[in-house]
């Protein structure tokens, strides 16, 4: 995966783009980790944990940091599953690279922190209920479906 910040010596990123990451964190039961956004854009809606890549940070490092800050969970970051572009409030574009992740401690429970108002594991039924109620961020279901990353049904 090409690091969204670019390689040393490469041309700088487009100043109109903000490099970001997200964690598609699943547990052993196939549940997906979601956070309720505490701030705009789309405050109050559920999303994947994630945020901006800090200067000098790798995409994997940023993903692990953002998941920990927003949910308290430490994760192993795997392969990139896909990327999306979303408008930023200041007119720029968030370029979000999403990575498959697994919790390092399978018994750890998520707790909201940093930019998250809430954090929870959701199975397919809980995810579908949030989707039907319009409580997910724009485009999340389409992206997860396209990447084959929707949560599994309860066992």
N, C-alpha and C. Protein backbone atom coordinates (compact mmCIF):
# COMPACT_ATOMS: atom_id res chain seq x y z
N UNK A 1 0.85 -1.18 0.00
CA UNK A 1 0.00 0.00 0.00
C UNK A 1 0.89 1.23 0.00
N UNK A 2 0.61 2.15 -0.86
CA UNK A 2 1.33 3.41 -0.88
C UNK A 2 0.86 4.23 0.30
N UNK A 3 1.83 4.70 1.10
CA UNK A 3 1.47 5.54 2.25
C UNK A 3 0.82 6.81 1.73
N UNK A 4 -0.36 7.19 2.26
CA UNK A 4 -1.06 8.36 1.74
C UNK A 4 -0.28 9.66 1.89
N UNK A 5 0.77 9.69 2.68
CA UNK A 5 1.57 10.91 2.84
C UNK A 5 2.67 10.97 1.79
N UNK A 6 2.89 9.88 1.06
CA UNK A 6 3.91 9.87 0.02
C UNK A 6 5.26 9.44 0.57
N UNK A 7 6.12 9.04 -0.35
CA UNK A 7 7.45 8.59 0.03
C UNK A 7 8.39 9.78 0.15
N UNK A 8 9.45 9.67 0.97
CA UNK A 8 10.41 10.76 1.06
C UNK A 8 10.94 11.09 -0.33
N UNK A 9 11.01 12.37 -0.66
CA UNK A 9 11.51 12.79 -1.95
C UNK A 9 10.44 12.81 -3.03
N UNK A 10 9.29 12.25 -2.76
CA UNK A 10 8.20 12.25 -3.74
C UNK A 10 7.56 13.63 -3.75
N UNK A 11 6.77 13.88 -4.78
CA UNK A 11 6.09 15.18 -4.83
C UNK A 11 5.15 15.28 -3.65
N UNK A 12 4.99 16.49 -3.10
CA UNK A 12 4.15 16.64 -1.92
C UNK A 12 2.69 16.33 -2.24
N UNK A 13 1.91 15.94 -1.21
CA UNK A 13 0.50 15.67 -1.44
C UNK A 13 -0.22 16.94 -1.91
N UNK A 14 -1.30 16.74 -2.60
CA UNK A 14 -2.12 17.86 -3.07
C UNK A 14 -2.57 18.67 -1.84
N UNK A 15 -2.33 19.99 -1.81
CA UNK A 15 -2.73 20.79 -0.64
C UNK A 15 -4.24 20.81 -0.42
N UNK A 16 -5.00 20.43 -1.44
CA UNK A 16 -6.45 20.37 -1.29
C UNK A 16 -6.94 19.06 -0.72
N UNK A 17 -6.00 18.13 -0.45
CA UNK A 17 -6.36 16.82 0.10
C UNK A 17 -5.80 16.66 1.50
N UNK A 18 -6.58 16.05 2.37
CA UNK A 18 -6.17 15.78 3.75
C UNK A 18 -6.04 14.27 3.90
N UNK A 19 -4.81 13.74 4.08
CA UNK A 19 -4.65 12.29 4.23
C UNK A 19 -5.22 11.80 5.56
N UNK A 20 -6.07 10.79 5.47
CA UNK A 20 -6.74 10.24 6.65
C UNK A 20 -6.74 8.72 6.57
N UNK A 21 -7.07 8.10 7.70
CA UNK A 21 -7.15 6.64 7.79
C UNK A 21 -8.39 6.25 8.58
N UNK A 22 -8.79 5.00 8.40
CA UNK A 22 -9.88 4.43 9.19
C UNK A 22 -9.57 2.98 9.49
N UNK A 23 -10.08 2.50 10.62
CA UNK A 23 -9.89 1.12 11.01
C UNK A 23 -11.16 0.31 10.84
N UNK A 24 -11.10 -0.71 10.01
CA UNK A 24 -12.20 -1.67 9.87
C UNK A 24 -11.87 -2.79 10.85
N UNK A 25 -12.27 -2.57 12.11
CA UNK A 25 -11.89 -3.47 13.20
C UNK A 25 -12.99 -4.50 13.41
N UNK A 26 -12.62 -5.77 13.31
CA UNK A 26 -13.58 -6.85 13.55
C UNK A 26 -13.05 -7.76 14.64
N UNK A 27 -13.98 -8.35 15.40
CA UNK A 27 -13.58 -9.29 16.45
C UNK A 27 -13.75 -10.73 15.96
N UNK A 28 -13.47 -11.69 16.82
CA UNK A 28 -13.53 -13.11 16.45
C UNK A 28 -14.94 -13.55 16.06
N UNK A 29 -15.96 -12.82 16.50
CA UNK A 29 -17.34 -13.16 16.15
C UNK A 29 -17.81 -12.45 14.88
N UNK A 30 -16.93 -11.68 14.25
CA UNK A 30 -17.29 -10.99 13.02
C UNK A 30 -18.01 -9.67 13.24
N UNK A 31 -18.06 -9.22 14.51
CA UNK A 31 -18.69 -7.92 14.78
C UNK A 31 -17.75 -6.81 14.33
N UNK A 32 -18.33 -5.67 13.99
CA UNK A 32 -17.59 -4.51 13.52
C UNK A 32 -17.58 -3.43 14.60
N UNK A 33 -16.46 -2.78 14.78
CA UNK A 33 -16.33 -1.70 15.76
C UNK A 33 -16.76 -0.39 15.11
N UNK A 34 -17.73 0.29 15.73
CA UNK A 34 -18.18 1.59 15.27
C UNK A 34 -18.04 2.63 16.38
N UNK A 35 -17.88 3.88 15.97
CA UNK A 35 -17.86 5.00 16.91
C UNK A 35 -18.93 6.01 16.49
N UNK A 36 -19.55 6.62 17.49
CA UNK A 36 -20.49 7.72 17.22
C UNK A 36 -19.66 9.00 17.20
N UNK A 37 -19.71 9.71 16.09
CA UNK A 37 -18.91 10.92 15.92
C UNK A 37 -19.37 12.00 16.89
N UNK A 38 -18.43 12.60 17.61
CA UNK A 38 -18.75 13.66 18.56
C UNK A 38 -18.72 15.03 17.90
N UNK A 39 -18.06 15.14 16.74
CA UNK A 39 -17.88 16.42 16.08
C UNK A 39 -18.22 16.31 14.60
N UNK A 40 -18.49 17.46 13.98
CA UNK A 40 -18.71 17.49 12.53
C UNK A 40 -17.40 17.16 11.82
N UNK A 41 -17.46 16.64 10.61
CA UNK A 41 -18.69 16.42 9.84
C UNK A 41 -19.48 15.21 10.35
N UNK A 42 -20.78 15.31 10.22
CA UNK A 42 -21.74 14.25 10.56
C UNK A 42 -21.71 13.85 12.04
N UNK A 43 -21.62 14.84 12.91
CA UNK A 43 -21.66 14.58 14.36
C UNK A 43 -22.93 13.82 14.70
N UNK A 44 -22.81 12.86 15.62
CA UNK A 44 -23.94 12.07 16.08
C UNK A 44 -24.18 10.81 15.27
N UNK A 45 -23.52 10.67 14.14
CA UNK A 45 -23.69 9.47 13.32
C UNK A 45 -22.56 8.48 13.60
N UNK A 46 -22.82 7.23 13.30
CA UNK A 46 -21.86 6.15 13.54
C UNK A 46 -20.93 6.00 12.34
N UNK A 47 -19.66 5.71 12.62
CA UNK A 47 -18.63 5.59 11.60
C UNK A 47 -17.55 4.62 12.07
N UNK A 48 -16.57 4.41 11.21
CA UNK A 48 -15.38 3.67 11.61
C UNK A 48 -14.48 4.61 12.41
N UNK A 49 -13.72 4.08 13.37
CA UNK A 49 -12.75 4.94 14.05
C UNK A 49 -11.65 5.33 13.07
N UNK A 50 -11.22 6.58 13.16
CA UNK A 50 -10.16 7.03 12.26
C UNK A 50 -9.97 8.53 12.35
N UNK A 51 -9.07 9.03 11.52
CA UNK A 51 -8.80 10.46 11.51
C UNK A 51 -7.60 10.78 10.64
N UNK A 52 -7.03 11.95 10.86
CA UNK A 52 -5.94 12.46 10.04
C UNK A 52 -4.62 11.75 10.32
N UNK A 53 -3.83 11.63 9.28
CA UNK A 53 -2.46 11.13 9.39
C UNK A 53 -1.60 12.33 9.79
N UNK A 54 -0.87 12.21 10.90
CA UNK A 54 0.00 13.28 11.37
C UNK A 54 1.30 13.30 10.58
N UNK A 55 1.95 14.47 10.46
CA UNK A 55 3.23 14.55 9.74
C UNK A 55 4.23 13.52 10.27
N UNK A 56 4.87 12.81 9.34
CA UNK A 56 5.88 11.81 9.70
C UNK A 56 5.32 10.46 10.11
N UNK A 57 4.01 10.34 10.17
CA UNK A 57 3.37 9.10 10.61
C UNK A 57 3.07 8.21 9.41
N UNK A 58 3.20 6.90 9.59
CA UNK A 58 2.79 5.97 8.54
C UNK A 58 1.27 5.80 8.61
N UNK A 59 0.70 5.29 7.54
CA UNK A 59 -0.75 5.03 7.53
C UNK A 59 -1.11 4.00 8.59
N UNK A 60 -0.30 2.95 8.71
CA UNK A 60 -0.58 1.91 9.72
C UNK A 60 -0.47 2.49 11.13
N UNK A 61 0.56 3.30 11.37
CA UNK A 61 0.73 3.92 12.69
C UNK A 61 -0.43 4.85 13.02
N UNK A 62 -0.87 5.62 12.03
CA UNK A 62 -2.00 6.53 12.25
C UNK A 62 -3.28 5.75 12.54
N UNK A 63 -3.47 4.63 11.85
CA UNK A 63 -4.66 3.82 12.08
C UNK A 63 -4.68 3.28 13.51
N UNK A 64 -3.57 2.70 13.95
CA UNK A 64 -3.48 2.16 15.32
C UNK A 64 -3.71 3.27 16.34
N UNK A 65 -3.10 4.44 16.12
CA UNK A 65 -3.25 5.56 17.06
C UNK A 65 -4.70 6.03 17.11
N UNK A 66 -5.33 6.24 15.97
CA UNK A 66 -6.70 6.73 15.94
C UNK A 66 -7.67 5.75 16.59
N UNK A 67 -7.52 4.46 16.31
CA UNK A 67 -8.40 3.46 16.94
C UNK A 67 -8.22 3.50 18.45
N UNK A 68 -6.99 3.57 18.92
CA UNK A 68 -6.73 3.62 20.37
C UNK A 68 -7.31 4.89 20.99
N UNK A 69 -7.12 6.05 20.33
CA UNK A 69 -7.63 7.30 20.88
C UNK A 69 -9.15 7.32 20.96
N UNK A 70 -9.81 6.78 19.95
CA UNK A 70 -11.27 6.86 19.90
C UNK A 70 -11.99 5.73 20.62
N UNK A 71 -11.31 4.59 20.83
CA UNK A 71 -12.01 3.43 21.42
C UNK A 71 -11.28 2.80 22.60
N UNK A 72 -10.02 3.18 22.82
CA UNK A 72 -9.24 2.57 23.89
C UNK A 72 -8.68 1.20 23.54
N UNK A 73 -8.95 0.71 22.33
CA UNK A 73 -8.48 -0.62 21.93
C UNK A 73 -7.16 -0.52 21.18
N UNK A 74 -6.24 -1.43 21.51
CA UNK A 74 -5.01 -1.58 20.75
C UNK A 74 -5.27 -2.62 19.67
N UNK A 75 -4.82 -2.30 18.44
CA UNK A 75 -5.11 -3.19 17.32
C UNK A 75 -3.85 -3.52 16.53
N UNK A 76 -3.92 -4.67 15.84
CA UNK A 76 -2.95 -5.02 14.81
C UNK A 76 -3.56 -4.54 13.50
N UNK A 77 -2.80 -3.75 12.76
CA UNK A 77 -3.28 -3.19 11.51
C UNK A 77 -2.83 -4.08 10.36
N UNK A 78 -3.80 -4.47 9.53
CA UNK A 78 -3.52 -5.34 8.39
C UNK A 78 -3.53 -4.58 7.07
N UNK A 79 -4.02 -5.24 6.06
CA UNK A 79 -4.04 -4.70 4.70
C UNK A 79 -5.07 -3.60 4.53
N UNK A 80 -4.79 -2.73 3.56
CA UNK A 80 -5.77 -1.72 3.17
C UNK A 80 -6.91 -2.43 2.45
N UNK A 81 -8.15 -2.11 2.84
CA UNK A 81 -9.32 -2.72 2.19
C UNK A 81 -9.90 -1.81 1.12
N UNK A 82 -9.63 -0.51 1.21
CA UNK A 82 -10.15 0.43 0.23
C UNK A 82 -9.94 1.85 0.69
N UNK A 83 -10.38 2.78 -0.15
CA UNK A 83 -10.28 4.19 0.21
C UNK A 83 -11.50 4.94 -0.32
N UNK A 84 -11.80 6.05 0.33
CA UNK A 84 -12.91 6.91 -0.07
C UNK A 84 -12.46 8.36 0.00
N UNK A 85 -13.18 9.20 -0.69
CA UNK A 85 -12.94 10.65 -0.66
C UNK A 85 -14.21 11.29 -0.14
N UNK A 86 -14.06 12.16 0.85
CA UNK A 86 -15.21 12.84 1.45
C UNK A 86 -14.91 14.33 1.54
N UNK A 87 -15.91 15.19 1.30
CA UNK A 87 -15.67 16.63 1.41
C UNK A 87 -15.37 17.03 2.86
N UNK A 88 -14.39 17.90 3.02
CA UNK A 88 -14.05 18.46 4.33
C UNK A 88 -14.80 19.78 4.48
N UNK A 89 -15.09 20.18 5.71
CA UNK A 89 -15.84 21.42 5.93
C UNK A 89 -15.16 22.67 5.36
N UNK A 90 -13.83 22.63 5.23
CA UNK A 90 -13.10 23.82 4.75
C UNK A 90 -12.92 23.85 3.24
N UNK A 91 -13.59 22.94 2.52
CA UNK A 91 -13.51 22.92 1.07
C UNK A 91 -12.47 21.96 0.52
N UNK A 92 -11.60 21.45 1.39
CA UNK A 92 -10.63 20.45 0.94
C UNK A 92 -11.34 19.09 0.87
N UNK A 93 -10.57 18.04 0.62
CA UNK A 93 -11.12 16.69 0.52
C UNK A 93 -10.37 15.77 1.47
N UNK A 94 -11.11 15.04 2.31
CA UNK A 94 -10.52 13.99 3.13
C UNK A 94 -10.31 12.78 2.22
N UNK A 95 -9.08 12.30 2.11
CA UNK A 95 -8.78 11.07 1.37
C UNK A 95 -8.51 10.02 2.44
N UNK A 96 -9.47 9.10 2.62
CA UNK A 96 -9.45 8.17 3.75
C UNK A 96 -9.08 6.77 3.25
N UNK A 97 -7.96 6.26 3.77
CA UNK A 97 -7.52 4.90 3.47
C UNK A 97 -7.94 4.02 4.65
N UNK A 98 -8.72 2.99 4.37
CA UNK A 98 -9.25 2.13 5.43
C UNK A 98 -8.51 0.80 5.47
N UNK A 99 -8.17 0.38 6.70
CA UNK A 99 -7.37 -0.82 6.91
C UNK A 99 -8.10 -1.83 7.79
N UNK A 100 -7.96 -3.09 7.42
CA UNK A 100 -8.49 -4.19 8.23
C UNK A 100 -7.67 -4.26 9.52
N UNK A 101 -8.34 -4.39 10.66
CA UNK A 101 -7.67 -4.45 11.97
C UNK A 101 -8.30 -5.54 12.84
N UNK A 102 -7.50 -6.05 13.76
CA UNK A 102 -7.95 -7.01 14.78
C UNK A 102 -7.50 -6.50 16.14
N UNK A 103 -8.36 -6.62 17.17
CA UNK A 103 -7.93 -6.21 18.52
C UNK A 103 -6.81 -7.11 19.04
N UNK A 104 -5.82 -6.52 19.70
CA UNK A 104 -4.74 -7.32 20.28
C UNK A 104 -5.22 -8.09 21.50
N UNK A 105 -6.16 -7.53 22.24
CA UNK A 105 -6.76 -8.21 23.39
C UNK A 105 -8.21 -8.53 23.03
N UNK A 106 -8.53 -9.79 22.75
CA UNK A 106 -9.88 -10.12 22.31
C UNK A 106 -10.96 -9.89 23.39
N UNK A 107 -10.55 -9.73 24.64
CA UNK A 107 -11.52 -9.51 25.71
C UNK A 107 -11.71 -8.03 26.06
N UNK A 108 -10.92 -7.16 25.47
CA UNK A 108 -11.02 -5.73 25.77
C UNK A 108 -12.34 -5.16 25.24
N UNK A 109 -12.92 -4.27 26.00
CA UNK A 109 -14.17 -3.64 25.61
C UNK A 109 -13.89 -2.20 25.16
N UNK A 110 -14.51 -1.77 24.07
CA UNK A 110 -14.28 -0.39 23.62
C UNK A 110 -14.90 0.62 24.58
N UNK A 111 -14.25 1.77 24.67
CA UNK A 111 -14.79 2.90 25.44
C UNK A 111 -14.52 4.16 24.64
N UNK A 112 -15.50 5.03 24.60
CA UNK A 112 -15.38 6.24 23.80
C UNK A 112 -14.30 7.15 24.35
N UNK A 113 -13.57 7.77 23.46
CA UNK A 113 -12.55 8.74 23.83
C UNK A 113 -12.29 9.67 22.68
N UNK A 114 -11.50 10.71 22.92
CA UNK A 114 -11.09 11.67 21.91
C UNK A 114 -12.30 12.22 21.15
N UNK A 115 -12.41 11.93 19.86
CA UNK A 115 -13.48 12.49 19.02
C UNK A 115 -14.74 11.63 18.97
N UNK A 116 -14.82 10.60 19.79
CA UNK A 116 -15.96 9.68 19.77
C UNK A 116 -16.87 9.93 20.98
N UNK A 117 -18.18 9.99 20.72
CA UNK A 117 -19.16 10.13 21.79
C UNK A 117 -19.55 8.77 22.36
N UNK A 118 -19.36 7.71 21.57
CA UNK A 118 -19.69 6.35 21.98
C UNK A 118 -18.89 5.40 21.10
N UNK A 119 -18.70 4.17 21.55
CA UNK A 119 -18.01 3.15 20.77
C UNK A 119 -18.64 1.82 21.12
N UNK A 120 -18.86 0.99 20.09
CA UNK A 120 -19.48 -0.33 20.36
C UNK A 120 -19.22 -1.30 19.22
N UNK A 121 -19.31 -2.58 19.59
CA UNK A 121 -19.28 -3.65 18.60
C UNK A 121 -20.70 -3.84 18.07
N UNK A 122 -20.84 -4.05 16.76
CA UNK A 122 -22.16 -4.31 16.18
C UNK A 122 -22.09 -5.55 15.29
N UNK A 123 -23.13 -6.39 15.41
CA UNK A 123 -23.26 -7.52 14.50
C UNK A 123 -24.11 -7.07 13.31
N UNK A 124 -24.43 -7.98 12.42
CA UNK A 124 -25.17 -7.63 11.20
C UNK A 124 -26.53 -7.02 11.52
N UNK A 125 -27.24 -7.57 12.51
CA UNK A 125 -28.58 -7.06 12.85
C UNK A 125 -28.50 -5.64 13.42
N UNK A 126 -27.56 -5.41 14.32
CA UNK A 126 -27.42 -4.07 14.91
C UNK A 126 -26.98 -3.06 13.85
N UNK A 127 -26.09 -3.49 12.96
CA UNK A 127 -25.65 -2.61 11.88
C UNK A 127 -26.83 -2.25 10.97
N UNK A 128 -27.62 -3.26 10.60
CA UNK A 128 -28.77 -3.02 9.72
C UNK A 128 -29.76 -2.06 10.37
N UNK A 129 -29.95 -2.17 11.69
CA UNK A 129 -30.87 -1.27 12.40
C UNK A 129 -30.35 0.17 12.36
N UNK A 130 -29.05 0.36 12.57
CA UNK A 130 -28.47 1.70 12.49
C UNK A 130 -28.60 2.26 11.07
N UNK A 131 -28.37 1.41 10.09
CA UNK A 131 -28.48 1.83 8.70
C UNK A 131 -29.92 2.22 8.36
N UNK A 132 -30.88 1.40 8.77
CA UNK A 132 -32.29 1.68 8.48
C UNK A 132 -32.76 2.97 9.15
N UNK A 133 -32.18 3.29 10.31
CA UNK A 133 -32.56 4.49 11.05
C UNK A 133 -31.82 5.74 10.54
N UNK A 134 -30.94 5.58 9.55
CA UNK A 134 -30.20 6.72 9.03
C UNK A 134 -29.13 7.23 9.97
N UNK A 135 -28.61 6.35 10.82
CA UNK A 135 -27.65 6.77 11.84
C UNK A 135 -26.18 6.54 11.47
N UNK A 136 -25.92 6.09 10.24
CA UNK A 136 -24.55 5.86 9.80
C UNK A 136 -24.08 7.02 8.93
N UNK A 137 -22.77 7.28 8.93
CA UNK A 137 -22.25 8.35 8.08
C UNK A 137 -22.51 8.02 6.61
N UNK A 138 -22.60 9.06 5.83
CA UNK A 138 -22.88 8.93 4.41
C UNK A 138 -21.86 8.02 3.72
N UNK A 139 -22.36 7.05 2.97
CA UNK A 139 -21.52 6.19 2.15
C UNK A 139 -20.88 5.02 2.86
N UNK A 140 -21.06 4.90 4.18
CA UNK A 140 -20.37 3.82 4.91
C UNK A 140 -20.81 2.44 4.43
N UNK A 141 -22.11 2.22 4.33
CA UNK A 141 -22.59 0.89 3.94
C UNK A 141 -22.14 0.53 2.53
N UNK A 142 -22.21 1.47 1.60
CA UNK A 142 -21.77 1.18 0.24
C UNK A 142 -20.29 0.80 0.22
N UNK A 143 -19.47 1.54 0.95
CA UNK A 143 -18.03 1.25 0.99
C UNK A 143 -17.78 -0.12 1.60
N UNK A 144 -18.36 -0.39 2.76
CA UNK A 144 -18.13 -1.67 3.43
C UNK A 144 -18.63 -2.84 2.58
N UNK A 145 -19.76 -2.67 1.94
CA UNK A 145 -20.29 -3.72 1.06
C UNK A 145 -19.33 -3.96 -0.10
N UNK A 146 -18.85 -2.89 -0.71
CA UNK A 146 -17.92 -3.01 -1.83
C UNK A 146 -16.60 -3.67 -1.45
N UNK A 147 -16.20 -3.53 -0.21
CA UNK A 147 -14.95 -4.13 0.28
C UNK A 147 -15.19 -5.48 0.96
N UNK A 148 -16.45 -5.96 0.96
CA UNK A 148 -16.84 -7.20 1.65
C UNK A 148 -16.44 -7.15 3.13
N UNK A 149 -16.78 -6.04 3.78
CA UNK A 149 -16.40 -5.83 5.18
C UNK A 149 -17.60 -5.56 6.10
N UNK A 150 -18.82 -5.86 5.65
CA UNK A 150 -19.98 -5.68 6.54
C UNK A 150 -19.88 -6.69 7.68
N UNK A 151 -20.45 -6.35 8.85
CA UNK A 151 -20.34 -7.29 9.98
C UNK A 151 -21.10 -8.59 9.72
N UNK A 152 -20.67 -9.62 10.42
CA UNK A 152 -21.28 -10.95 10.28
C UNK A 152 -22.53 -11.03 11.16
N UNK A 153 -23.39 -11.99 10.83
CA UNK A 153 -24.57 -12.26 11.65
C UNK A 153 -24.14 -12.87 12.97
N UNK A 154 -24.97 -12.73 13.98
CA UNK A 154 -24.68 -13.32 15.30
C UNK A 154 -24.55 -14.82 15.16
N UNK A 155 -23.67 -15.36 15.99
CA UNK A 155 -23.47 -16.81 15.97
C UNK A 155 -24.35 -17.49 16.96
